[in-house]
N, C-alpha and C. Protein backbone atom coordinates (compact mmCIF):
# COMPACT_ATOMS: atom_id res chain seq x y z
N MET A 1 -124.69 5.70 -6.62
CA MET A 1 -124.51 5.41 -5.20
C MET A 1 -123.55 6.45 -4.60
N THR A 2 -123.90 6.99 -3.44
CA THR A 2 -123.05 7.98 -2.79
C THR A 2 -122.28 7.34 -1.64
N THR A 3 -121.16 7.94 -1.30
CA THR A 3 -120.37 7.47 -0.17
C THR A 3 -120.28 8.56 0.87
N HIS A 4 -120.13 8.16 2.09
CA HIS A 4 -119.97 9.11 3.18
C HIS A 4 -118.50 9.18 3.56
N GLU A 5 -117.92 10.36 3.43
CA GLU A 5 -116.53 10.56 3.79
C GLU A 5 -116.45 11.53 4.96
N PHE A 6 -115.40 11.41 5.72
CA PHE A 6 -115.23 12.30 6.86
C PHE A 6 -115.12 13.74 6.37
N THR A 7 -115.91 14.60 6.98
CA THR A 7 -115.87 16.02 6.68
C THR A 7 -115.75 16.77 8.00
N ALA A 8 -114.67 17.46 8.18
CA ALA A 8 -114.44 18.17 9.44
C ALA A 8 -115.25 19.46 9.49
N TRP A 9 -115.69 19.82 10.68
CA TRP A 9 -116.33 21.12 10.88
C TRP A 9 -115.26 22.20 10.68
N PRO A 10 -115.55 23.23 9.87
CA PRO A 10 -114.53 24.25 9.63
C PRO A 10 -114.18 24.99 10.91
N LYS A 11 -112.95 25.48 10.94
CA LYS A 11 -112.48 26.21 12.11
C LYS A 11 -113.38 27.41 12.36
N THR A 12 -113.83 27.55 13.59
CA THR A 12 -114.74 28.65 13.93
C THR A 12 -113.94 29.95 14.05
N PRO A 13 -114.29 30.96 13.23
CA PRO A 13 -113.55 32.22 13.30
C PRO A 13 -113.86 32.98 14.58
N ARG A 14 -112.93 33.80 15.01
CA ARG A 14 -113.13 34.62 16.19
C ARG A 14 -113.70 35.98 15.78
N LEU A 15 -114.73 36.39 16.47
CA LEU A 15 -115.39 37.66 16.14
C LEU A 15 -114.48 38.84 16.45
N PHE A 16 -113.77 38.77 17.58
CA PHE A 16 -112.99 39.93 18.01
C PHE A 16 -111.62 39.93 17.34
N ARG A 17 -111.64 40.24 16.08
CA ARG A 17 -110.46 40.41 15.26
C ARG A 17 -110.55 41.78 14.58
N THR A 18 -109.52 42.14 13.85
CA THR A 18 -109.48 43.46 13.23
C THR A 18 -110.63 43.65 12.24
N VAL A 19 -111.25 44.80 12.32
CA VAL A 19 -112.25 45.21 11.34
C VAL A 19 -111.85 46.56 10.77
N VAL A 20 -112.28 46.80 9.54
CA VAL A 20 -112.11 48.11 8.92
C VAL A 20 -113.50 48.62 8.56
N VAL A 21 -113.86 49.77 9.10
CA VAL A 21 -115.17 50.36 8.86
C VAL A 21 -115.00 51.52 7.88
N THR A 22 -115.69 51.43 6.76
CA THR A 22 -115.65 52.48 5.75
C THR A 22 -117.06 52.97 5.46
N GLU A 23 -117.15 54.15 4.89
CA GLU A 23 -118.46 54.66 4.50
C GLU A 23 -118.99 53.88 3.30
N LYS A 24 -120.26 53.49 3.36
CA LYS A 24 -120.91 52.82 2.23
C LYS A 24 -121.35 53.89 1.24
N LEU A 25 -120.87 53.79 0.01
CA LEU A 25 -121.14 54.80 -1.01
C LEU A 25 -122.22 54.34 -1.97
N ASP A 26 -123.04 55.26 -2.40
CA ASP A 26 -124.14 54.94 -3.31
C ASP A 26 -123.67 55.18 -4.74
N GLY A 27 -123.00 54.17 -5.28
CA GLY A 27 -122.53 54.24 -6.65
C GLY A 27 -122.74 52.91 -7.32
N SER A 28 -121.71 52.41 -7.99
CA SER A 28 -121.80 51.14 -8.70
C SER A 28 -120.53 50.33 -8.42
N ASN A 29 -120.72 49.09 -7.98
CA ASN A 29 -119.59 48.20 -7.70
C ASN A 29 -118.82 47.93 -8.99
N ALA A 30 -117.49 48.04 -8.92
CA ALA A 30 -116.67 47.86 -10.12
C ALA A 30 -115.32 47.28 -9.72
N ALA A 31 -114.58 46.80 -10.71
CA ALA A 31 -113.25 46.26 -10.44
C ALA A 31 -112.41 46.33 -11.70
N ILE A 32 -111.09 46.32 -11.48
CA ILE A 32 -110.12 46.33 -12.57
C ILE A 32 -109.16 45.17 -12.37
N HIS A 33 -109.04 44.29 -13.37
CA HIS A 33 -108.00 43.26 -13.39
C HIS A 33 -106.81 43.83 -14.13
N ILE A 34 -105.61 43.69 -13.56
CA ILE A 34 -104.38 44.11 -14.24
C ILE A 34 -103.40 42.95 -14.19
N SER A 35 -102.96 42.48 -15.37
CA SER A 35 -102.03 41.35 -15.45
C SER A 35 -100.88 41.69 -16.39
N THR A 36 -99.72 41.13 -16.12
CA THR A 36 -98.60 41.27 -17.04
C THR A 36 -98.66 40.15 -18.08
N VAL A 37 -98.17 40.43 -19.27
CA VAL A 37 -98.07 39.41 -20.32
C VAL A 37 -96.69 39.54 -20.96
N THR A 38 -96.26 38.47 -21.61
CA THR A 38 -94.93 38.47 -22.21
C THR A 38 -94.94 38.88 -23.67
N HIS A 39 -96.13 39.01 -24.24
CA HIS A 39 -96.22 39.45 -25.63
C HIS A 39 -97.57 40.12 -25.83
N ASP A 40 -97.72 40.82 -26.92
CA ASP A 40 -98.94 41.59 -27.18
C ASP A 40 -100.05 40.67 -27.67
N THR A 41 -100.71 40.03 -26.73
CA THR A 41 -101.81 39.13 -27.08
C THR A 41 -102.85 39.15 -25.98
N HIS A 42 -104.07 38.84 -26.33
CA HIS A 42 -105.15 38.74 -25.35
C HIS A 42 -105.51 37.28 -25.11
N PHE A 43 -104.67 36.37 -25.52
CA PHE A 43 -104.97 34.96 -25.33
C PHE A 43 -105.15 34.67 -23.84
N GLY A 44 -106.27 34.04 -23.51
CA GLY A 44 -106.56 33.72 -22.12
C GLY A 44 -107.26 34.82 -21.37
N PHE A 45 -107.50 35.96 -22.01
CA PHE A 45 -108.20 37.08 -21.39
C PHE A 45 -109.53 37.31 -22.11
N PRO A 46 -110.50 37.96 -21.45
CA PRO A 46 -111.77 38.24 -22.13
C PRO A 46 -111.56 39.04 -23.41
N ALA A 47 -112.42 38.79 -24.38
CA ALA A 47 -112.35 39.55 -25.63
C ALA A 47 -112.49 41.05 -25.34
N ASP A 48 -111.78 41.84 -26.08
CA ASP A 48 -111.82 43.29 -25.96
C ASP A 48 -111.19 43.83 -24.68
N SER A 49 -110.43 42.98 -23.96
CA SER A 49 -109.61 43.54 -22.88
C SER A 49 -108.63 44.54 -23.49
N TYR A 50 -108.06 45.38 -22.66
CA TYR A 50 -107.20 46.44 -23.17
C TYR A 50 -105.74 46.15 -22.84
N SER A 51 -104.87 46.38 -23.80
CA SER A 51 -103.44 46.11 -23.62
C SER A 51 -102.67 47.42 -23.71
N VAL A 52 -101.68 47.57 -22.80
CA VAL A 52 -100.87 48.78 -22.80
C VAL A 52 -99.45 48.42 -22.36
N ALA A 53 -98.47 49.11 -22.93
CA ALA A 53 -97.07 48.92 -22.52
C ALA A 53 -96.69 50.06 -21.58
N VAL A 54 -96.09 49.68 -20.45
CA VAL A 54 -95.63 50.67 -19.46
C VAL A 54 -94.19 50.33 -19.11
N ASP A 55 -93.28 51.25 -19.41
CA ASP A 55 -91.86 51.05 -19.12
C ASP A 55 -91.33 49.73 -19.67
N GLY A 56 -91.75 49.39 -20.88
CA GLY A 56 -91.26 48.19 -21.54
C GLY A 56 -91.97 46.90 -21.17
N GLN A 57 -92.91 46.96 -20.21
CA GLN A 57 -93.67 45.78 -19.81
C GLN A 57 -95.08 45.88 -20.37
N ARG A 58 -95.57 44.79 -20.93
CA ARG A 58 -96.92 44.76 -21.49
C ARG A 58 -97.92 44.29 -20.42
N TYR A 59 -99.06 45.01 -20.32
CA TYR A 59 -100.12 44.70 -19.36
C TYR A 59 -101.44 44.53 -20.10
N VAL A 60 -102.31 43.71 -19.53
CA VAL A 60 -103.69 43.59 -20.00
C VAL A 60 -104.61 44.02 -18.87
N LEU A 61 -105.57 44.89 -19.20
CA LEU A 61 -106.55 45.38 -18.23
C LEU A 61 -107.95 44.95 -18.66
N THR A 62 -108.72 44.49 -17.70
CA THR A 62 -110.12 44.12 -17.93
C THR A 62 -110.97 44.81 -16.87
N ALA A 63 -112.08 45.40 -17.29
CA ALA A 63 -112.99 46.07 -16.36
C ALA A 63 -114.21 45.21 -16.13
N GLN A 64 -114.79 45.33 -14.94
CA GLN A 64 -116.01 44.58 -14.66
C GLN A 64 -116.93 45.39 -13.77
N SER A 65 -118.23 45.07 -13.87
CA SER A 65 -119.23 45.58 -12.93
C SER A 65 -119.43 44.52 -11.86
N ARG A 66 -120.46 44.65 -11.06
CA ARG A 66 -120.72 43.64 -10.03
C ARG A 66 -120.99 42.27 -10.64
N SER A 67 -121.59 42.23 -11.84
CA SER A 67 -122.08 40.95 -12.37
C SER A 67 -121.45 40.50 -13.68
N ARG A 68 -120.62 41.33 -14.33
CA ARG A 68 -120.13 40.93 -15.65
C ARG A 68 -118.88 41.72 -16.03
N VAL A 69 -118.14 41.16 -17.00
CA VAL A 69 -117.06 41.89 -17.64
C VAL A 69 -117.68 42.95 -18.54
N ILE A 70 -117.12 44.15 -18.53
CA ILE A 70 -117.70 45.24 -19.31
C ILE A 70 -116.64 45.83 -20.25
N THR A 71 -117.12 46.45 -21.33
CA THR A 71 -116.27 47.11 -22.30
C THR A 71 -116.89 48.45 -22.67
N PRO A 72 -116.11 49.37 -23.22
CA PRO A 72 -116.69 50.66 -23.59
C PRO A 72 -117.78 50.52 -24.65
N GLY A 73 -118.74 51.41 -24.60
CA GLY A 73 -119.79 51.40 -25.61
C GLY A 73 -121.18 51.38 -24.99
N LYS A 74 -122.12 51.95 -25.69
CA LYS A 74 -123.50 52.00 -25.21
C LYS A 74 -124.04 50.59 -25.02
N GLY A 75 -124.59 50.34 -23.86
CA GLY A 75 -125.16 49.03 -23.55
C GLY A 75 -124.14 48.01 -23.11
N LYS A 76 -122.84 48.36 -23.17
CA LYS A 76 -121.79 47.41 -22.78
C LYS A 76 -121.05 47.86 -21.52
N ASP A 77 -121.16 49.12 -21.20
CA ASP A 77 -120.38 49.70 -20.12
C ASP A 77 -121.21 49.81 -18.84
N ASN A 78 -120.61 50.38 -17.82
CA ASN A 78 -121.25 50.57 -16.53
C ASN A 78 -120.96 52.00 -16.07
N PHE A 79 -121.85 52.93 -16.47
CA PHE A 79 -121.65 54.35 -16.17
C PHE A 79 -120.28 54.83 -16.66
N GLY A 80 -119.84 54.31 -17.81
CA GLY A 80 -118.59 54.76 -18.41
C GLY A 80 -117.33 54.26 -17.74
N PHE A 81 -117.45 53.26 -16.85
CA PHE A 81 -116.28 52.81 -16.11
C PHE A 81 -115.24 52.17 -17.02
N ALA A 82 -115.66 51.25 -17.89
CA ALA A 82 -114.70 50.59 -18.78
C ALA A 82 -114.02 51.60 -19.70
N GLY A 83 -114.78 52.55 -20.21
CA GLY A 83 -114.19 53.58 -21.06
C GLY A 83 -113.12 54.36 -20.32
N TRP A 84 -113.41 54.69 -19.07
CA TRP A 84 -112.43 55.42 -18.24
C TRP A 84 -111.19 54.56 -17.99
N VAL A 85 -111.38 53.27 -17.71
CA VAL A 85 -110.24 52.36 -17.48
C VAL A 85 -109.34 52.32 -18.71
N TYR A 86 -109.93 52.14 -19.88
CA TYR A 86 -109.14 52.03 -21.09
C TYR A 86 -108.40 53.33 -21.40
N GLU A 87 -109.07 54.47 -21.19
CA GLU A 87 -108.45 55.77 -21.48
C GLU A 87 -107.31 56.09 -20.53
N ASN A 88 -107.34 55.50 -19.35
CA ASN A 88 -106.35 55.82 -18.32
C ASN A 88 -105.55 54.58 -17.90
N ALA A 89 -105.38 53.66 -18.83
CA ALA A 89 -104.74 52.38 -18.52
C ALA A 89 -103.34 52.54 -17.95
N GLU A 90 -102.52 53.38 -18.56
CA GLU A 90 -101.14 53.52 -18.07
C GLU A 90 -101.13 54.06 -16.65
N GLY A 91 -101.93 55.08 -16.38
CA GLY A 91 -101.99 55.65 -15.04
C GLY A 91 -102.48 54.66 -14.01
N LEU A 92 -103.43 53.82 -14.38
CA LEU A 92 -103.94 52.81 -13.45
C LEU A 92 -102.90 51.74 -13.14
N VAL A 93 -102.14 51.35 -14.16
CA VAL A 93 -101.06 50.39 -13.93
C VAL A 93 -100.04 50.98 -12.94
N ARG A 94 -99.67 52.23 -13.15
CA ARG A 94 -98.68 52.86 -12.27
C ARG A 94 -99.22 53.03 -10.85
N ALA A 95 -100.50 53.36 -10.73
CA ALA A 95 -101.06 53.64 -9.41
C ALA A 95 -101.40 52.38 -8.63
N LEU A 96 -101.89 51.34 -9.32
CA LEU A 96 -102.44 50.17 -8.63
C LEU A 96 -101.55 48.94 -8.70
N GLY A 97 -100.81 48.78 -9.79
CA GLY A 97 -100.03 47.55 -9.97
C GLY A 97 -100.90 46.39 -10.40
N THR A 98 -100.30 45.21 -10.46
CA THR A 98 -101.05 44.03 -10.91
C THR A 98 -102.00 43.54 -9.83
N GLY A 99 -103.02 42.80 -10.28
CA GLY A 99 -103.98 42.23 -9.33
C GLY A 99 -105.39 42.59 -9.70
N LEU A 100 -106.30 42.26 -8.79
CA LEU A 100 -107.72 42.54 -8.96
C LEU A 100 -108.10 43.60 -7.95
N HIS A 101 -108.56 44.73 -8.42
CA HIS A 101 -108.80 45.90 -7.59
C HIS A 101 -110.29 46.24 -7.57
N PHE A 102 -110.94 45.98 -6.44
CA PHE A 102 -112.36 46.26 -6.29
C PHE A 102 -112.57 47.65 -5.70
N GLY A 103 -113.66 48.29 -6.10
CA GLY A 103 -113.98 49.59 -5.54
C GLY A 103 -115.38 50.02 -5.91
N GLU A 104 -115.74 51.23 -5.48
CA GLU A 104 -117.04 51.82 -5.81
C GLU A 104 -116.81 52.94 -6.81
N TRP A 105 -117.55 52.89 -7.91
CA TRP A 105 -117.50 53.90 -8.96
C TRP A 105 -118.69 54.83 -8.71
N TRP A 106 -118.40 56.08 -8.33
CA TRP A 106 -119.49 56.95 -7.90
C TRP A 106 -119.20 58.40 -8.24
N GLY A 107 -120.21 59.24 -8.07
CA GLY A 107 -120.06 60.66 -8.37
C GLY A 107 -121.01 61.12 -9.44
N SER A 108 -120.58 62.09 -10.23
CA SER A 108 -121.44 62.75 -11.19
C SER A 108 -122.14 61.77 -12.14
N GLY A 109 -123.48 61.81 -12.15
CA GLY A 109 -124.27 60.98 -13.07
C GLY A 109 -124.43 59.54 -12.65
N ILE A 110 -123.92 59.16 -11.47
CA ILE A 110 -124.02 57.77 -11.01
C ILE A 110 -124.88 57.74 -9.74
N GLN A 111 -126.01 57.08 -9.79
CA GLN A 111 -126.92 56.99 -8.66
C GLN A 111 -127.19 58.38 -8.08
N ARG A 112 -126.94 58.62 -6.80
CA ARG A 112 -127.32 59.91 -6.21
C ARG A 112 -126.37 61.04 -6.59
N GLY A 113 -125.19 60.74 -7.10
CA GLY A 113 -124.29 61.77 -7.62
C GLY A 113 -123.50 62.55 -6.60
N TYR A 114 -124.02 62.73 -5.41
CA TYR A 114 -123.35 63.44 -4.32
C TYR A 114 -123.00 64.89 -4.65
N GLY A 115 -123.64 65.48 -5.63
CA GLY A 115 -123.38 66.86 -5.97
C GLY A 115 -122.02 67.10 -6.61
N LEU A 116 -121.36 66.04 -7.05
CA LEU A 116 -120.02 66.18 -7.63
C LEU A 116 -120.08 66.50 -9.12
N THR A 117 -119.06 67.16 -9.61
CA THR A 117 -118.96 67.41 -11.05
C THR A 117 -118.00 66.42 -11.70
N ASP A 118 -117.30 65.62 -10.88
CA ASP A 118 -116.43 64.59 -11.41
C ASP A 118 -116.79 63.27 -10.76
N ARG A 119 -115.92 62.26 -10.88
CA ARG A 119 -116.21 60.93 -10.36
C ARG A 119 -115.09 60.44 -9.46
N ARG A 120 -115.37 59.35 -8.77
CA ARG A 120 -114.39 58.74 -7.87
C ARG A 120 -114.39 57.22 -8.10
N PHE A 121 -113.21 56.61 -7.97
CA PHE A 121 -113.10 55.16 -7.85
C PHE A 121 -112.49 54.91 -6.48
N SER A 122 -113.34 54.58 -5.51
CA SER A 122 -112.91 54.41 -4.13
C SER A 122 -112.62 52.94 -3.86
N LEU A 123 -111.38 52.64 -3.55
CA LEU A 123 -110.90 51.26 -3.46
C LEU A 123 -111.25 50.65 -2.11
N PHE A 124 -111.71 49.39 -2.15
CA PHE A 124 -112.15 48.71 -0.93
C PHE A 124 -111.00 48.21 -0.06
N ASN A 125 -109.88 47.81 -0.68
CA ASN A 125 -108.75 47.29 0.09
C ASN A 125 -107.94 48.49 0.59
N THR A 126 -108.36 49.02 1.73
CA THR A 126 -107.79 50.28 2.20
C THR A 126 -106.36 50.12 2.69
N ASP A 127 -105.98 48.93 3.15
CA ASP A 127 -104.58 48.72 3.56
C ASP A 127 -103.65 48.71 2.36
N ARG A 128 -104.02 47.92 1.37
CA ARG A 128 -103.17 47.81 0.18
C ARG A 128 -103.03 49.15 -0.54
N HIS A 129 -104.12 49.91 -0.59
CA HIS A 129 -104.15 51.12 -1.40
C HIS A 129 -104.10 52.40 -0.57
N LYS A 130 -103.58 52.31 0.64
CA LYS A 130 -103.61 53.46 1.55
C LYS A 130 -102.85 54.66 1.00
N ASP A 131 -101.86 54.44 0.14
CA ASP A 131 -101.06 55.56 -0.39
C ASP A 131 -101.50 56.01 -1.78
N VAL A 132 -102.59 55.43 -2.28
CA VAL A 132 -103.06 55.79 -3.62
C VAL A 132 -103.95 57.03 -3.54
N ASN A 133 -103.59 58.04 -4.28
CA ASN A 133 -104.42 59.24 -4.40
C ASN A 133 -103.99 59.95 -5.67
N VAL A 134 -104.72 59.72 -6.74
CA VAL A 134 -104.32 60.25 -8.04
C VAL A 134 -105.55 60.59 -8.86
N ARG A 135 -105.47 61.66 -9.61
CA ARG A 135 -106.53 62.00 -10.56
C ARG A 135 -106.16 61.45 -11.92
N LEU A 136 -107.07 60.68 -12.52
CA LEU A 136 -106.87 60.14 -13.86
C LEU A 136 -108.09 60.51 -14.69
N GLY A 137 -107.91 61.38 -15.66
CA GLY A 137 -109.05 61.84 -16.45
C GLY A 137 -110.03 62.59 -15.57
N ASN A 138 -111.31 62.18 -15.62
CA ASN A 138 -112.34 62.89 -14.87
C ASN A 138 -112.62 62.25 -13.52
N ALA A 139 -111.70 61.43 -13.01
CA ALA A 139 -111.97 60.71 -11.76
C ALA A 139 -110.75 60.70 -10.84
N ILE A 140 -111.03 60.66 -9.55
CA ILE A 140 -109.98 60.51 -8.53
C ILE A 140 -109.99 59.06 -8.05
N VAL A 141 -108.80 58.48 -7.96
CA VAL A 141 -108.63 57.12 -7.45
C VAL A 141 -108.02 57.22 -6.06
N GLU A 142 -108.70 56.65 -5.08
CA GLU A 142 -108.23 56.72 -3.70
C GLU A 142 -108.94 55.64 -2.88
N PRO A 143 -108.47 55.33 -1.67
CA PRO A 143 -109.17 54.35 -0.85
C PRO A 143 -110.51 54.89 -0.38
N ALA A 144 -111.44 54.00 -0.10
CA ALA A 144 -112.68 54.40 0.55
C ALA A 144 -112.33 55.01 1.91
N PRO A 145 -113.06 56.01 2.36
CA PRO A 145 -112.71 56.66 3.62
C PRO A 145 -112.87 55.73 4.82
N VAL A 146 -111.79 55.56 5.58
CA VAL A 146 -111.80 54.69 6.75
C VAL A 146 -112.33 55.48 7.95
N LEU A 147 -113.39 54.97 8.57
CA LEU A 147 -113.98 55.61 9.73
C LEU A 147 -113.42 55.03 11.03
N TYR A 148 -113.06 53.75 11.00
CA TYR A 148 -112.51 53.09 12.18
C TYR A 148 -111.75 51.85 11.73
N GLN A 149 -110.61 51.59 12.36
CA GLN A 149 -109.86 50.36 12.13
C GLN A 149 -109.31 49.88 13.47
N GLY A 150 -109.64 48.65 13.82
CA GLY A 150 -109.19 48.10 15.10
C GLY A 150 -109.98 46.85 15.43
N GLU A 151 -109.90 46.42 16.68
CA GLU A 151 -110.63 45.22 17.09
C GLU A 151 -112.13 45.44 16.98
N PHE A 152 -112.85 44.36 16.59
CA PHE A 152 -114.30 44.44 16.46
C PHE A 152 -114.91 45.04 17.72
N SER A 153 -115.74 46.06 17.54
CA SER A 153 -116.42 46.72 18.65
C SER A 153 -117.78 47.19 18.18
N GLU A 154 -118.83 46.58 18.70
CA GLU A 154 -120.17 47.01 18.33
C GLU A 154 -120.38 48.47 18.73
N TYR A 155 -119.81 48.85 19.86
CA TYR A 155 -119.94 50.24 20.32
C TYR A 155 -119.34 51.20 19.29
N ARG A 156 -118.12 50.90 18.79
CA ARG A 156 -117.48 51.79 17.82
C ARG A 156 -118.24 51.83 16.51
N ILE A 157 -118.75 50.67 16.08
CA ILE A 157 -119.51 50.63 14.83
C ILE A 157 -120.76 51.48 14.94
N LYS A 158 -121.49 51.36 16.06
CA LYS A 158 -122.69 52.17 16.25
C LYS A 158 -122.35 53.65 16.37
N ALA A 159 -121.20 53.94 16.98
CA ALA A 159 -120.77 55.33 17.09
C ALA A 159 -120.53 55.95 15.71
N GLU A 160 -119.93 55.17 14.81
CA GLU A 160 -119.70 55.69 13.45
C GLU A 160 -121.02 55.88 12.71
N LEU A 161 -121.97 54.99 12.94
CA LEU A 161 -123.30 55.17 12.34
C LEU A 161 -123.95 56.46 12.84
N ARG A 162 -123.87 56.69 14.14
CA ARG A 162 -124.47 57.90 14.71
C ARG A 162 -123.79 59.15 14.16
N ALA A 163 -122.46 59.09 14.00
CA ALA A 163 -121.74 60.25 13.48
C ALA A 163 -122.13 60.55 12.04
N LEU A 164 -122.28 59.49 11.24
CA LEU A 164 -122.72 59.71 9.86
C LEU A 164 -124.12 60.31 9.81
N LYS A 165 -124.99 59.79 10.66
CA LYS A 165 -126.37 60.28 10.69
C LYS A 165 -126.42 61.76 11.09
N ALA A 166 -125.56 62.13 12.04
CA ALA A 166 -125.57 63.50 12.55
C ALA A 166 -124.82 64.47 11.63
N ASN A 167 -123.70 64.03 11.07
CA ASN A 167 -122.80 64.95 10.37
C ASN A 167 -122.81 64.81 8.86
N GLY A 168 -123.38 63.72 8.36
CA GLY A 168 -123.40 63.51 6.92
C GLY A 168 -122.18 62.79 6.40
N SER A 169 -122.05 62.72 5.09
CA SER A 169 -121.02 61.94 4.43
C SER A 169 -119.62 62.46 4.75
N VAL A 170 -118.69 61.51 4.95
CA VAL A 170 -117.27 61.84 5.08
C VAL A 170 -116.64 61.95 3.69
N ALA A 171 -117.05 61.08 2.79
CA ALA A 171 -116.51 61.06 1.43
C ALA A 171 -116.90 62.30 0.64
N ALA A 172 -118.11 62.79 0.88
CA ALA A 172 -118.61 63.98 0.18
C ALA A 172 -119.19 64.93 1.22
N PRO A 173 -118.32 65.70 1.89
CA PRO A 173 -118.78 66.59 2.96
C PRO A 173 -119.92 67.51 2.51
N GLY A 174 -120.91 67.66 3.41
CA GLY A 174 -122.07 68.49 3.11
C GLY A 174 -123.26 67.70 2.63
N ILE A 175 -123.05 66.44 2.24
CA ILE A 175 -124.14 65.59 1.78
C ILE A 175 -124.70 64.84 2.98
N MET A 176 -125.96 65.07 3.28
CA MET A 176 -126.60 64.43 4.42
C MET A 176 -127.26 63.11 3.99
N ASN A 177 -127.69 62.35 4.98
CA ASN A 177 -128.34 61.05 4.76
C ASN A 177 -127.48 60.09 3.96
N PRO A 178 -126.24 59.84 4.41
CA PRO A 178 -125.41 58.85 3.71
C PRO A 178 -125.99 57.45 3.83
N GLU A 179 -125.49 56.55 3.01
CA GLU A 179 -126.02 55.20 2.95
C GLU A 179 -125.83 54.40 4.23
N GLY A 180 -124.66 54.51 4.84
CA GLY A 180 -124.33 53.69 6.00
C GLY A 180 -122.86 53.36 5.97
N ILE A 181 -122.51 52.15 6.43
CA ILE A 181 -121.11 51.76 6.50
C ILE A 181 -120.92 50.35 5.96
N CYS A 182 -119.66 50.02 5.65
CA CYS A 182 -119.26 48.66 5.34
C CYS A 182 -118.23 48.23 6.38
N VAL A 183 -118.36 47.01 6.88
CA VAL A 183 -117.47 46.48 7.90
C VAL A 183 -116.73 45.28 7.32
N TRP A 184 -115.42 45.41 7.13
CA TRP A 184 -114.58 44.31 6.65
C TRP A 184 -114.03 43.58 7.87
N HIS A 185 -114.33 42.27 7.98
CA HIS A 185 -113.86 41.46 9.10
C HIS A 185 -112.68 40.64 8.62
N SER A 186 -111.50 40.87 9.21
CA SER A 186 -110.25 40.33 8.66
C SER A 186 -110.19 38.81 8.68
N GLN A 187 -110.69 38.15 9.75
CA GLN A 187 -110.50 36.70 9.83
C GLN A 187 -111.45 35.95 8.91
N THR A 188 -112.69 36.39 8.80
CA THR A 188 -113.63 35.70 7.91
C THR A 188 -113.50 36.20 6.48
N ARG A 189 -112.81 37.35 6.31
CA ARG A 189 -112.65 37.97 4.99
C ARG A 189 -114.00 38.22 4.35
N GLN A 190 -114.93 38.72 5.16
CA GLN A 190 -116.25 39.07 4.68
C GLN A 190 -116.52 40.54 4.92
N VAL A 191 -117.37 41.10 4.07
CA VAL A 191 -117.80 42.48 4.23
C VAL A 191 -119.28 42.47 4.61
N PHE A 192 -119.60 43.26 5.63
CA PHE A 192 -120.98 43.40 6.06
C PHE A 192 -121.42 44.85 5.81
N LYS A 193 -122.62 45.00 5.27
CA LYS A 193 -123.19 46.32 5.07
C LYS A 193 -124.08 46.65 6.26
N VAL A 194 -123.96 47.87 6.75
CA VAL A 194 -124.85 48.35 7.81
C VAL A 194 -125.45 49.65 7.32
N THR A 195 -126.73 49.60 6.97
CA THR A 195 -127.39 50.79 6.42
C THR A 195 -128.09 51.54 7.54
N LEU A 196 -128.16 52.85 7.39
CA LEU A 196 -128.79 53.69 8.40
C LEU A 196 -130.29 53.45 8.43
N ASP A 197 -130.86 53.42 9.65
CA ASP A 197 -132.31 53.36 9.79
C ASP A 197 -132.71 54.38 10.85
N ASN A 198 -133.92 54.25 11.37
CA ASN A 198 -134.42 55.25 12.30
C ASN A 198 -134.01 55.02 13.75
N ASN A 199 -133.14 54.03 13.98
CA ASN A 199 -132.60 53.84 15.33
C ASN A 199 -131.10 53.64 15.22
N ASP A 200 -130.46 53.45 16.33
CA ASP A 200 -129.00 53.35 16.33
C ASP A 200 -128.48 51.97 15.95
N ALA A 201 -129.38 50.99 15.79
CA ALA A 201 -128.92 49.63 15.54
C ALA A 201 -128.42 49.44 14.12
N GLY A 202 -129.05 50.11 13.17
CA GLY A 202 -128.71 49.90 11.77
C GLY A 202 -129.25 48.57 11.28
N LYS A 203 -129.19 48.38 9.99
CA LYS A 203 -129.64 47.13 9.39
C LYS A 203 -128.43 46.42 8.82
N TRP A 204 -128.11 45.22 9.36
CA TRP A 204 -126.93 44.47 8.96
C TRP A 204 -127.24 43.52 7.83
N GLU A 205 -126.36 43.47 6.82
CA GLU A 205 -126.47 42.51 5.72
C GLU A 205 -125.06 42.13 5.29
N THR A 206 -124.93 40.92 4.73
CA THR A 206 -123.65 40.59 4.09
C THR A 206 -123.63 41.29 2.74
N ALA A 207 -122.44 41.77 2.37
CA ALA A 207 -122.31 42.54 1.12
C ALA A 207 -122.34 41.62 -0.09
């Protein structure tokens, strides 16, 4: 038997709030978990997570793709992302700190490649990581390129789409036909993808 309980309609978010527009990159969605621990153990963490000591503090790092936790090795990794995380664990701890860090893993040998000879881990939280710019191994860690930040404006969003269409990629200058943009809406905390099409409207999707 079920019961009916009062359920309030959720607060309606306001559309005209801060948005961050970044270039949508054609790579592979990835993330790094970084946590502190009080002793050298992986208890409570996925098997094969990586542990490293930095300035006397022990950290555990776990890598993931869009759909699963990943580890180095053929058939277990995601374009070598986990291997790169483990090899550069100390540098990542120093650059990013603790938390869950989402980004796009792209560049040489990943999807379209963008003509690069190395790779990039472009971080989605551009406010938190605005000062991050470091090379670790064969990859550069930095925020995704911000095209516009301010109050929601359909005009500005379409203007950035037109600029990408006309001028090509901002992240990889000289590369034409970029994917489109991502729009982070601060109040709903959602990301919307807008891919380029044959008109100025673009194709909107939730990420």
